[in-house]
C-alpha atoms as a PDB file:
ATOM      1  CA  UNK A   1     -67.652  76.386 169.559  1.00  0.00           C
ATOM      2  CA  UNK A   2     -64.233  75.275 168.336  1.00  0.00           C
ATOM      3  CA  UNK A   3     -61.996  78.195 167.308  1.00  0.00           C
ATOM      4  CA  UNK A   4     -60.351  77.792 163.877  1.00  0.00           C
ATOM      5  CA  UNK A   5     -56.668  76.911 164.052  1.00  0.00           C
ATOM      6  CA  UNK A   6     -56.760  75.812 167.687  1.00  0.00           C
ATOM      7  CA  UNK A   7     -58.111  72.323 167.151  1.00  0.00           C
ATOM      8  CA  UNK A   8     -57.158  69.336 165.072  1.00  0.00           C
ATOM      9  CA  UNK A   9     -59.291  68.986 161.939  1.00  0.00           C
ATOM     10  CA  UNK A  10     -59.143  66.219 159.375  1.00  0.00           C
ATOM     11  CA  UNK A  11     -57.637  67.125 156.031  1.00  0.00           C
ATOM     12  CA  UNK A  12     -60.208  65.164 154.032  1.00  0.00           C
ATOM     13  CA  UNK A  13     -57.438  63.285 152.240  1.00  0.00           C
ATOM     14  CA  UNK A  14     -57.213  59.551 151.576  1.00  0.00           C
ATOM     15  CA  UNK A  15     -55.104  56.948 149.802  1.00  0.00           C
ATOM     16  CA  UNK A  16     -55.911  56.587 146.104  1.00  0.00           C
ATOM     17  CA  UNK A  17     -57.207  53.054 146.653  1.00  0.00           C
ATOM     18  CA  UNK A  18     -59.546  54.023 149.480  1.00  0.00           C
ATOM     19  CA  UNK A  19     -62.656  54.575 147.278  1.00  0.00           C
ATOM     20  CA  UNK A  20     -62.030  51.229 145.576  1.00  0.00           C
ATOM     21  CA  UNK A  21     -61.743  49.414 148.890  1.00  0.00           C
ATOM     22  CA  UNK A  22     -64.727  51.185 150.448  1.00  0.00           C
ATOM     23  CA  UNK A  23     -67.201  51.034 147.589  1.00  0.00           C
ATOM     24  CA  UNK A  24     -66.136  47.952 145.629  1.00  0.00           C
ATOM     25  CA  UNK A  25     -64.629  45.863 148.404  1.00  0.00           C
ATOM     26  CA  UNK A  26     -67.170  46.671 151.113  1.00  0.00           C
ATOM     27  CA  UNK A  27     -69.927  46.708 148.486  1.00  0.00           C
ATOM     28  CA  UNK A  28     -69.136  43.148 147.445  1.00  0.00           C
ATOM     29  CA  UNK A  29     -69.061  42.039 151.078  1.00  0.00           C
ATOM     30  CA  UNK A  30     -72.419  43.771 151.587  1.00  0.00           C
ATOM     31  CA  UNK A  31     -73.998  41.778 148.750  1.00  0.00           C
ATOM     32  CA  UNK A  32     -72.655  38.505 150.124  1.00  0.00           C
ATOM     33  CA  UNK A  33     -73.822  39.396 153.625  1.00  0.00           C
ATOM     34  CA  UNK A  34     -77.229  40.445 152.289  1.00  0.00           C
ATOM     35  CA  UNK A  35     -77.791  37.176 150.450  1.00  0.00           C
ATOM     36  CA  UNK A  36     -76.733  35.262 153.560  1.00  0.00           C
ATOM     37  CA  UNK A  37     -79.026  37.407 155.692  1.00  0.00           C
ATOM     38  CA  UNK A  38     -82.028  36.933 153.397  1.00  0.00           C
ATOM     39  CA  UNK A  39     -81.656  33.161 153.245  1.00  0.00           C
ATOM     40  CA  UNK A  40     -80.853  32.887 156.946  1.00  0.00           C
ATOM     41  CA  UNK A  41     -83.888  34.978 157.801  1.00  0.00           C
ATOM     42  CA  UNK A  42     -86.177  32.494 156.046  1.00  0.00           C
ATOM     43  CA  UNK A  43     -84.584  29.351 157.469  1.00  0.00           C
ATOM     44  CA  UNK A  44     -84.123  30.768 160.969  1.00  0.00           C
ATOM     45  CA  UNK A  45     -85.468  28.329 163.593  1.00  0.00           C
ATOM     46  CA  UNK A  46     -86.954  31.172 165.628  1.00  0.00           C
ATOM     47  CA  UNK A  47     -88.684  34.393 164.702  1.00  0.00           C
ATOM     48  CA  UNK A  48     -87.034  35.949 167.772  1.00  0.00           C
ATOM     49  CA  UNK A  49     -83.632  35.216 166.261  1.00  0.00           C
ATOM     50  CA  UNK A  50     -84.631  37.294 163.249  1.00  0.00           C
ATOM     51  CA  UNK A  51     -84.917  40.305 165.542  1.00  0.00           C
ATOM     52  CA  UNK A  52     -81.184  40.074 166.310  1.00  0.00           C
ATOM     53  CA  UNK A  53     -79.957  39.477 162.759  1.00  0.00           C
ATOM     54  CA  UNK A  54     -80.222  43.192 161.819  1.00  0.00           C
ATOM     55  CA  UNK A  55     -77.986  43.974 164.814  1.00  0.00           C
ATOM     56  CA  UNK A  56     -75.345  41.596 163.514  1.00  0.00           C
ATOM     57  CA  UNK A  57     -75.625  42.924 159.961  1.00  0.00           C
ATOM     58  CA  UNK A  58     -75.613  46.599 160.948  1.00  0.00           C
ATOM     59  CA  UNK A  59     -72.718  46.527 163.371  1.00  0.00           C
ATOM     60  CA  UNK A  60     -70.813  44.047 161.209  1.00  0.00           C
ATOM     61  CA  UNK A  61     -71.041  46.305 158.168  1.00  0.00           C
ATOM     62  CA  UNK A  62     -70.252  49.423 160.200  1.00  0.00           C
ATOM     63  CA  UNK A  63     -67.211  47.705 161.688  1.00  0.00           C
ATOM     64  CA  UNK A  64     -65.996  46.650 158.250  1.00  0.00           C
ATOM     65  CA  UNK A  65     -66.284  50.190 156.877  1.00  0.00           C
ATOM     66  CA  UNK A  66     -64.403  51.527 159.903  1.00  0.00           C
ATOM     67  CA  UNK A  67     -61.559  49.036 159.471  1.00  0.00           C
ATOM     68  CA  UNK A  68     -61.262  49.694 155.731  1.00  0.00           C
ATOM     69  CA  UNK A  69     -61.330  53.482 156.245  1.00  0.00           C
ATOM     70  CA  UNK A  70     -58.614  53.183 158.895  1.00  0.00           C
ATOM     71  CA  UNK A  71     -56.512  50.834 156.765  1.00  0.00           C
ATOM     72  CA  UNK A  72     -56.723  53.116 153.721  1.00  0.00           C
ATOM     73  CA  UNK A  73     -55.917  56.222 155.803  1.00  0.00           C
ATOM     74  CA  UNK A  74     -59.246  57.818 154.928  1.00  0.00           C
ATOM     75  CA  UNK A  75     -59.854  61.165 156.653  1.00  0.00           C
ATOM     76  CA  UNK A  76     -62.758  62.114 154.387  1.00  0.00           C
ATOM     77  CA  UNK A  77     -65.978  62.086 156.418  1.00  0.00           C
ATOM     78  CA  UNK A  78     -68.235  62.554 153.404  1.00  0.00           C
ATOM     79  CA  UNK A  79     -66.768  59.480 151.705  1.00  0.00           C
ATOM     80  CA  UNK A  80     -67.212  57.325 154.818  1.00  0.00           C
ATOM     81  CA  UNK A  81     -70.864  58.426 155.087  1.00  0.00           C
ATOM     82  CA  UNK A  82     -71.438  57.702 151.401  1.00  0.00           C
ATOM     83  CA  UNK A  83     -69.849  54.263 151.715  1.00  0.00           C
ATOM     84  CA  UNK A  84     -72.094  53.458 154.683  1.00  0.00           C
ATOM     85  CA  UNK A  85     -75.235  54.442 152.787  1.00  0.00           C
ATOM     86  CA  UNK A  86     -74.288  52.660 149.565  1.00  0.00           C
ATOM     87  CA  UNK A  87     -73.171  49.460 151.292  1.00  0.00           C
ATOM     88  CA  UNK A  88     -76.194  49.478 153.586  1.00  0.00           C
ATOM     89  CA  UNK A  89     -78.545  49.763 150.622  1.00  0.00           C
ATOM     90  CA  UNK A  90     -76.701  46.997 148.772  1.00  0.00           C
ATOM     91  CA  UNK A  91     -77.016  44.733 151.798  1.00  0.00           C
ATOM     92  CA  UNK A  92     -80.745  45.344 152.162  1.00  0.00           C
ATOM     93  CA  UNK A  93     -81.386  45.077 148.422  1.00  0.00           C
ATOM     94  CA  UNK A  94     -79.591  41.728 148.096  1.00  0.00           C
ATOM     95  CA  UNK A  95     -81.271  40.497 151.291  1.00  0.00           C
ATOM     96  CA  UNK A  96     -84.760  41.153 149.886  1.00  0.00           C
ATOM     97  CA  UNK A  97     -83.851  39.555 146.550  1.00  0.00           C
ATOM     98  CA  UNK A  98     -82.595  36.409 148.289  1.00  0.00           C
ATOM     99  CA  UNK A  99     -85.501  36.314 150.758  1.00  0.00           C
ATOM    100  CA  UNK A 100     -88.148  36.573 148.028  1.00  0.00           C
ATOM    101  CA  UNK A 101     -86.360  33.830 146.115  1.00  0.00           C
ATOM    102  CA  UNK A 102     -86.499  31.350 149.019  1.00  0.00           C
ATOM    103  CA  UNK A 103     -90.026  32.396 150.080  1.00  0.00           C
ATOM    104  CA  UNK A 104     -91.214  31.532 146.553  1.00  0.00           C
ATOM    105  CA  UNK A 105     -89.656  28.078 146.783  1.00  0.00           C
ATOM    106  CA  UNK A 106     -86.673  29.172 144.703  1.00  0.00           C
ATOM    107  CA  UNK A 107     -89.003  29.924 141.781  1.00  0.00           C
ATOM    108  CA  UNK A 108     -89.147  33.736 141.617  1.00  0.00           C
ATOM    109  CA  UNK A 109     -86.045  35.869 141.136  1.00  0.00           C
ATOM    110  CA  UNK A 110     -86.779  39.592 141.040  1.00  0.00           C
ATOM    111  CA  UNK A 111     -84.020  42.141 140.726  1.00  0.00           C
ATOM    112  CA  UNK A 112     -85.720  45.347 139.601  1.00  0.00           C
ATOM    113  CA  UNK A 113     -86.644  47.681 142.495  1.00  0.00           C
ATOM    114  CA  UNK A 114     -90.238  48.146 141.298  1.00  0.00           C
ATOM    115  CA  UNK A 115     -90.717  44.377 141.060  1.00  0.00           C
ATOM    116  CA  UNK A 116     -89.278  43.879 144.546  1.00  0.00           C
ATOM    117  CA  UNK A 117     -91.665  46.470 145.976  1.00  0.00           C
ATOM    118  CA  UNK A 118     -94.625  44.831 144.225  1.00  0.00           C
ATOM    119  CA  UNK A 119     -93.798  41.367 145.586  1.00  0.00           C
ATOM    120  CA  UNK A 120     -93.209  42.755 149.081  1.00  0.00           C
ATOM    121  CA  UNK A 121     -96.602  44.433 148.921  1.00  0.00           C
ATOM    122  CA  UNK A 122     -98.280  41.130 148.052  1.00  0.00           C
ATOM    123  CA  UNK A 123     -96.451  39.307 150.833  1.00  0.00           C
ATOM    124  CA  UNK A 124     -97.335  42.026 153.316  1.00  0.00           C
ATOM    125  CA  UNK A 125    -101.021  41.392 152.676  1.00  0.00           C
ATOM    126  CA  UNK A 126    -100.575  37.655 153.331  1.00  0.00           C
ATOM    127  CA  UNK A 127     -98.346  38.006 156.386  1.00  0.00           C
ATOM    128  CA  UNK A 128     -95.017  36.244 156.859  1.00  0.00           C
ATOM    129  CA  UNK A 129     -94.212  36.341 160.588  1.00  0.00           C
ATOM    130  CA  UNK A 130     -95.889  35.643 163.878  1.00  0.00           C
ATOM    131  CA  UNK A 131     -94.344  36.419 167.257  1.00  0.00           C
ATOM    132  CA  UNK A 132     -96.188  35.798 170.547  1.00  0.00           C
ATOM    133  CA  UNK A 133     -99.466  35.550 168.701  1.00  0.00           C
ATOM    134  CA  UNK A 134     -98.907  38.834 166.837  1.00  0.00           C
ATOM    135  CA  UNK A 135     -99.078  38.335 163.080  1.00  0.00           C
ATOM    136  CA  UNK A 136     -96.774  40.601 161.119  1.00  0.00           C
ATOM    137  CA  UNK A 137     -98.734  41.739 158.100  1.00  0.00           C
ATOM    138  CA  UNK A 138     -99.919  44.961 156.518  1.00  0.00           C
ATOM    139  CA  UNK A 139     -98.852  48.121 158.345  1.00  0.00           C
ATOM    140  CA  UNK A 140     -97.032  46.233 161.111  1.00  0.00           C
ATOM    141  CA  UNK A 141     -94.877  44.384 158.583  1.00  0.00           C
ATOM    142  CA  UNK A 142     -94.189  47.548 156.596  1.00  0.00           C
ATOM    143  CA  UNK A 143     -93.118  49.287 159.816  1.00  0.00           C
ATOM    144  CA  UNK A 144     -90.830  46.378 160.712  1.00  0.00           C
ATOM    145  CA  UNK A 145     -89.168  46.530 157.289  1.00  0.00           C
ATOM    146  CA  UNK A 146     -88.706  50.295 157.512  1.00  0.00           C
ATOM    147  CA  UNK A 147     -87.173  49.991 160.982  1.00  0.00           C
ATOM    148  CA  UNK A 148     -84.841  47.247 159.765  1.00  0.00           C
ATOM    149  CA  UNK A 149     -83.634  49.249 156.768  1.00  0.00           C
ATOM    150  CA  UNK A 150     -83.262  52.389 158.870  1.00  0.00           C
ATOM    151  CA  UNK A 151     -81.284  50.597 161.562  1.00  0.00           C
ATOM    152  CA  UNK A 152     -78.855  48.935 159.158  1.00  0.00           C
ATOM    153  CA  UNK A 153     -78.298  52.133 157.167  1.00  0.00           C
ATOM    154  CA  UNK A 154     -77.924  54.193 160.329  1.00  0.00           C
ATOM    155  CA  UNK A 155     -75.499  51.770 161.943  1.00  0.00           C
ATOM    156  CA  UNK A 156     -73.427  51.425 158.770  1.00  0.00           C
ATOM    157  CA  UNK A 157     -72.951  55.217 158.812  1.00  0.00           C
ATOM    158  CA  UNK A 158     -72.874  56.153 162.499  1.00  0.00           C
ATOM    159  CA  UNK A 159     -70.729  53.310 163.855  1.00  0.00           C
ATOM    160  CA  UNK A 160     -67.624  53.983 161.701  1.00  0.00           C
ATOM    161  CA  UNK A 161     -67.999  57.731 162.267  1.00  0.00           C
ATOM    162  CA  UNK A 162     -68.069  57.226 166.039  1.00  0.00           C
ATOM    163  CA  UNK A 163     -65.006  54.983 165.894  1.00  0.00           C
ATOM    164  CA  UNK A 164     -63.076  57.405 163.677  1.00  0.00           C
ATOM    165  CA  UNK A 165     -64.135  60.600 165.478  1.00  0.00           C
ATOM    166  CA  UNK A 166     -61.565  60.513 168.325  1.00  0.00           C
ATOM    167  CA  UNK A 167     -58.737  59.420 166.015  1.00  0.00           C
ATOM    168  CA  UNK A 168     -56.196  61.977 164.819  1.00  0.00           C
ATOM    169  CA  UNK A 169     -53.861  61.632 161.843  1.00  0.00           C
ATOM    170  CA  UNK A 170     -50.367  63.043 161.396  1.00  0.00           C
ATOM    171  CA  UNK A 171     -50.154  64.427 157.876  1.00  0.00           C
ATOM    172  CA  UNK A 172     -46.353  64.695 158.086  1.00  0.00           C
ATOM    173  CA  UNK A 173     -45.771  61.033 158.933  1.00  0.00           C
ATOM    174  CA  UNK A 174     -48.877  59.754 157.141  1.00  0.00           C
ATOM    175  CA  UNK A 175     -49.985  57.611 160.035  1.00  0.00           C
ATOM    176  CA  UNK A 176     -52.716  57.549 162.659  1.00  0.00           C
ATOM    177  CA  UNK A 177     -51.757  59.015 166.004  1.00  0.00           C
ATOM    178  CA  UNK A 178     -51.108  56.102 168.374  1.00  0.00           C
ATOM    179  CA  UNK A 179     -49.406  57.750 171.334  1.00  0.00           C
ATOM    180  CA  UNK A 180     -51.858  58.240 174.207  1.00  0.00           C
ATOM    181  CA  UNK A 181     -51.378  59.085 177.854  1.00  0.00           C
ATOM    182  CA  UNK A 182     -54.418  59.268 180.111  1.00  0.00           C
ATOM    183  CA  UNK A 183     -54.134  61.218 183.352  1.00  0.00           C
ATOM    184  CA  UNK A 184     -56.807  60.902 186.038  1.00  0.00           C
ATOM    185  CA  UNK A 185     -58.574  61.612 188.258  1.00  0.00           C
ATOM    186  CA  UNK A 186     -59.562  65.143 189.223  1.00  0.00           C
ATOM    187  CA  UNK A 187     -62.618  66.868 190.602  1.00  0.00           C
ATOM    188  CA  UNK A 188     -65.351  67.986 188.223  1.00  0.00           C
ATOM    189  CA  UNK A 189     -64.973  71.345 186.504  1.00  0.00           C
ATOM    190  CA  UNK A 190     -67.511  73.900 187.715  1.00  0.00           C
ATOM    191  CA  UNK A 191     -67.407  76.095 184.605  1.00  0.00           C
ATOM    192  CA  UNK A 192     -66.454  73.959 181.565  1.00  0.00           C
ATOM    193  CA  UNK A 193     -66.928  76.823 179.082  1.00  0.00           C
ATOM    194  CA  UNK A 194     -64.704  79.207 181.024  1.00  0.00           C
ATOM    195  CA  UNK A 195     -62.166  76.438 181.634  1.00  0.00           C
ATOM    196  CA  UNK A 196     -62.084  75.700 177.897  1.00  0.00           C
ATOM    197  CA  UNK A 197     -61.509  79.385 177.068  1.00  0.00           C
ATOM    198  CA  UNK A 198     -58.521  79.500 179.412  1.00  0.00           C
ATOM    199  CA  UNK A 199     -56.990  76.453 177.746  1.00  0.00           C
ATOM    200  CA  UNK A 200     -57.599  77.957 174.312  1.00  0.00           C
ATOM    201  CA  UNK A 201     -55.594  80.996 175.459  1.00  0.00           C
ATOM    202  CA  UNK A 202     -52.738  78.686 176.435  1.00  0.00           C
ATOM    203  CA  UNK A 203     -53.271  79.058 180.195  1.00  0.00           C
ATOM    204  CA  UNK A 204     -52.538  75.415 180.977  1.00  0.00           C
ATOM    205  CA  UNK A 205     -51.595  76.178 184.566  1.00  0.00           C
ATOM    206  CA  UNK A 206     -55.326  76.210 185.279  1.00  0.00           C
ATOM    207  CA  UNK A 207     -55.146  72.420 185.245  1.00  0.00           C
ATOM    208  CA  UNK A 208     -53.219  72.674 188.496  1.00  0.00           C
ATOM    209  CA  UNK A 209     -56.295  74.124 190.199  1.00  0.00           C
ATOM    210  CA  UNK A 210     -58.137  70.788 189.951  1.00  0.00           C
ATOM    211  CA  UNK A 211     -57.917  68.713 193.102  1.00  0.00           C
ATOM    212  CA  UNK A 212     -57.100  65.043 192.692  1.00  0.00           C
ATOM    213  CA  UNK A 213     -59.698  62.420 193.598  1.00  0.00           C
ATOM    214  CA  UNK A 214     -59.831  58.639 193.500  1.00  0.00           C
ATOM    215  CA  UNK A 215     -60.615  57.229 190.092  1.00  0.00           C
ATOM    216  CA  UNK A 216     -63.178  55.077 191.884  1.00  0.00           C
ATOM    217  CA  UNK A 217     -65.202  58.201 192.654  1.00  0.00           C
ATOM    218  CA  UNK A 218     -68.604  58.336 190.939  1.00  0.00           C
ATOM    219  CA  UNK A 219     -67.690  61.614 189.245  1.00  0.00           C
ATOM    220  CA  UNK A 220     -64.305  62.822 188.096  1.00  0.00           C
ATOM    221  CA  UNK A 221     -62.390  64.590 185.327  1.00  0.00           C
ATOM    222  CA  UNK A 222     -59.652  63.043 183.218  1.00  0.00           C
ATOM    223  CA  UNK A 223     -57.500  64.300 180.404  1.00  0.00           C
ATOM    224  CA  UNK A 224     -55.777  62.576 177.529  1.00  0.00           C
ATOM    225  CA  UNK A 225     -52.547  63.583 175.856  1.00  0.00           C
ATOM    226  CA  UNK A 226     -52.056  62.292 172.311  1.00  0.00           C
ATOM    227  CA  UNK A 227     -49.002  62.565 170.131  1.00  0.00           C
ATOM    228  CA  UNK A 228     -47.534  61.230 166.917  1.00  0.00           C
ATOM    229  CA  UNK A 229     -44.831  58.754 167.865  1.00  0.00           C
ATOM    230  CA  UNK A 230     -43.150  59.186 164.481  1.00  0.00           C
ATOM    231  CA  UNK A 231     -42.223  62.868 164.382  1.00  0.00           C
ATOM    232  CA  UNK A 232     -43.378  63.827 167.897  1.00  0.00           C
ATOM    233  CA  UNK A 233     -44.468  67.195 166.471  1.00  0.00           C
ATOM    234  CA  UNK A 234     -48.225  66.690 166.718  1.00  0.00           C
ATOM    235  CA  UNK A 235     -49.585  66.959 170.284  1.00  0.00           C
ATOM    236  CA  UNK A 236     -53.241  67.069 171.286  1.00  0.00           C
ATOM    237  CA  UNK A 237     -55.123  67.607 174.540  1.00  0.00           C
ATOM    238  CA  UNK A 238     -58.583  66.251 175.315  1.00  0.00           C
ATOM    239  CA  UNK A 239     -60.460  66.608 178.608  1.00  0.00           C
ATOM    240  CA  UNK A 240     -63.692  64.931 179.633  1.00  0.00           C
ATOM    241  CA  UNK A 241     -65.838  64.633 182.736  1.00  0.00           C
ATOM    242  CA  UNK A 242     -67.073  61.164 183.689  1.00  0.00           C
ATOM    243  CA  UNK A 243     -70.263  60.727 185.686  1.00  0.00           C
ATOM    244  CA  UNK A 244     -71.269  57.268 186.884  1.00  0.00           C
ATOM    245  CA  UNK A 245     -74.783  56.602 188.131  1.00  0.00           C
ATOM    246  CA  UNK A 246     -76.516  53.421 189.273  1.00  0.00           C
ATOM    247  CA  UNK A 247     -80.007  52.710 187.932  1.00  0.00           C
ATOM    248  CA  UNK A 248     -82.832  50.895 189.684  1.00  0.00           C
ATOM    249  CA  UNK A 249     -81.505  47.541 188.447  1.00  0.00           C
ATOM    250  CA  UNK A 250     -78.128  48.148 190.030  1.00  0.00           C
ATOM    251  CA  UNK A 251     -76.389  48.685 186.696  1.00  0.00           C
ATOM    252  CA  UNK A 252     -73.812  51.435 186.367  1.00  0.00           C
ATOM    253  CA  UNK A 253     -74.475  54.006 183.661  1.00  0.00           C
ATOM    254  CA  UNK A 254     -71.517  56.097 182.497  1.00  0.00           C
ATOM    255  CA  UNK A 255     -71.978  59.530 180.976  1.00  0.00           C
ATOM    256  CA  UNK A 256     -68.956  61.225 179.395  1.00  0.00           C
ATOM    257  CA  UNK A 257     -68.988  64.964 178.740  1.00  0.00           C
ATOM    258  CA  UNK A 258     -66.342  66.543 176.533  1.00  0.00           C
ATOM    259  CA  UNK A 259     -64.785  69.690 177.972  1.00  0.00           C
ATOM    260  CA  UNK A 260     -62.277  70.009 175.160  1.00  0.00           C
ATOM    261  CA  UNK A 261     -61.414  67.651 172.305  1.00  0.00           C
ATOM    262  CA  UNK A 262     -58.153  67.526 170.333  1.00  0.00           C
ATOM    263  CA  UNK A 263     -56.773  70.948 171.232  1.00  0.00           C
ATOM    264  CA  UNK A 264     -53.457  71.511 169.448  1.00  0.00           C
ATOM    265  CA  UNK A 265     -50.578  72.036 171.884  1.00  0.00           C
ATOM    266  CA  UNK A 266     -46.781  72.005 171.651  1.00  0.00           C
ATOM    267  CA  UNK A 267     -44.281  69.727 173.347  1.00  0.00           C
ATOM    268  CA  UNK A 268     -43.480  72.317 176.011  1.00  0.00           C
ATOM    269  CA  UNK A 269     -47.140  72.657 176.979  1.00  0.00           C
ATOM    270  CA  UNK A 270     -47.474  68.895 177.122  1.00  0.00           C
ATOM    271  CA  UNK A 271     -44.557  68.743 179.544  1.00  0.00           C
ATOM    272  CA  UNK A 272     -46.210  71.360 181.752  1.00  0.00           C
ATOM    273  CA  UNK A 273     -49.479  69.433 181.770  1.00  0.00           C
ATOM    274  CA  UNK A 274     -47.686  66.245 182.777  1.00  0.00           C
ATOM    275  CA  UNK A 275     -45.953  68.074 185.617  1.00  0.00           C
ATOM    276  CA  UNK A 276     -49.305  69.228 186.965  1.00  0.00           C
ATOM    277  CA  UNK A 277     -50.424  65.622 187.507  1.00  0.00           C
ATOM    278  CA  UNK A 278     -50.546  64.701 191.222  1.00  0.00           C
ATOM    279  CA  UNK A 279     -47.813  62.491 192.613  1.00  0.00           C
ATOM    280  CA  UNK A 280     -49.919  60.439 195.023  1.00  0.00           C
ATOM    281  CA  UNK A 281     -53.420  59.101 195.263  1.00  0.00           C
ATOM    282  CA  UNK A 282     -55.951  60.909 197.389  1.00  0.00           C
ATOM    283  CA  UNK A 283     -56.554  59.145 200.700  1.00  0.00           C
ATOM    284  CA  UNK A 284     -58.433  55.911 200.544  1.00  0.00           C
ATOM    285  CA  UNK A 285     -57.358  52.629 199.058  1.00  0.00           C
ATOM    286  CA  UNK A 286     -53.596  52.107 198.903  1.00  0.00           C
ATOM    287  CA  UNK A 287     -52.660  52.345 195.273  1.00  0.00           C
ATOM    288  CA  UNK A 288     -49.814  53.431 193.075  1.00  0.00           C
ATOM    289  CA  UNK A 289     -49.637  56.893 191.582  1.00  0.00           C
ATOM    290  CA  UNK A 290     -53.000  58.746 191.654  1.00  0.00           C
ATOM    291  CA  UNK A 291     -52.369  60.125 188.267  1.00  0.00           C
ATOM    292  CA  UNK A 292     -52.470  56.676 186.708  1.00  0.00           C
ATOM    293  CA  UNK A 293     -50.685  57.448 183.469  1.00  0.00           C
ATOM    294  CA  UNK A 294     -50.661  54.780 180.844  1.00  0.00           C
ATOM    295  CA  UNK A 295     -48.838  54.754 177.550  1.00  0.00           C
ATOM    296  CA  UNK A 296     -50.422  53.007 174.596  1.00  0.00           C
ATOM    297  CA  UNK A 297     -48.134  52.904 171.625  1.00  0.00           C
ATOM    298  CA  UNK A 298     -49.237  49.966 169.533  1.00  0.00           C
ATOM    299  CA  UNK A 299     -49.124  51.206 165.993  1.00  0.00           C
ATOM    300  CA  UNK A 300     -50.576  49.098 163.223  1.00  0.00           C
ATOM    301  CA  UNK A 301     -47.646  48.287 160.930  1.00  0.00           C
ATOM    302  CA  UNK A 302     -49.864  49.054 157.958  1.00  0.00           C
ATOM    303  CA  UNK A 303     -50.211  52.626 159.226  1.00  0.00           C
ATOM    304  CA  UNK A 304     -46.467  53.245 159.263  1.00  0.00           C
ATOM    305  CA  UNK A 305     -45.675  53.131 155.563  1.00  0.00           C
ATOM    306  CA  UNK A 306     -45.591  56.535 153.831  1.00  0.00           C
ATOM    307  CA  UNK A 307     -45.117  54.965 150.407  1.00  0.00           C
ATOM    308  CA  UNK A 308     -48.575  55.651 149.020  1.00  0.00           C
ATOM    309  CA  UNK A 309     -49.569  59.192 148.153  1.00  0.00           C
ATOM    310  CA  UNK A 310     -52.859  60.684 149.296  1.00  0.00           C
ATOM    311  CA  UNK A 311     -55.505  61.941 146.947  1.00  0.00           C
ATOM    312  CA  UNK A 312     -55.784  65.735 147.481  1.00  0.00           C
ATOM    313  CA  UNK A 313     -59.494  65.548 148.199  1.00  0.00           C
ATOM    314  CA  UNK A 314     -60.998  67.560 151.012  1.00  0.00           C
ATOM    315  CA  UNK A 315     -64.211  66.915 152.918  1.00  0.00           C
END
């Protein structure tokens, strides 16, 4: 369990125009996408293609909400969730309206929810799809619609949250943290909970007890140092264990386990952690520094302007 005051937590603040961009801007795009989806679903040359359209709609909408939330400096989780639900429902609603319109030969336009449900019920009895000899009607069609709505709503909410989760924000500079330095690779940690407690007490020398391994090893530990490149006052430490396994088809599956995420540290502690990185690779393939440290400092220019004030709203 994260101890209060030791970890970075979002303030819940956002630019004043963030709700407008998320709900009106993304909402309008959702309606347009829904109408396109409904018409495209009817005119699709293959019923199999229709199975992939919800993937495109769900991830497309989720990606849009993520980009708008990032652009408007939104650190309010509740608002991002609400935007995902509202926009997802708008997309599905407009998709059904457009689909019923084209199914009826462009003769029936229904916009009231109760009318849409009635027409869908009638169409479900007749059946509208057939894939591999399986006719989609009745319960099967209802189940397909429920799964479609659930997937698009879920993706519109979960995808932006997953993208925003690892991102930190410097409240002093009013910009997203863009400085990252990844240090790898070390042996797995035997007792992650105990290791985490030591780090929470500021005992960063414990990192020196981890033996270096090749980053090509199937299992290893890595840690990430993040900092605000504007003021250089905000420093964060994250550590994760990576476990790679090969399935029966020969495909590599990667499982990442968080040991610690966004622990607040100071500049002095960061320097100590960097010093503990090994100087050479462990025996094996000739390679440069075993602690492959990489700097990524590509700030979005839109994130650098402190001109706009935040709304003092908390999550």
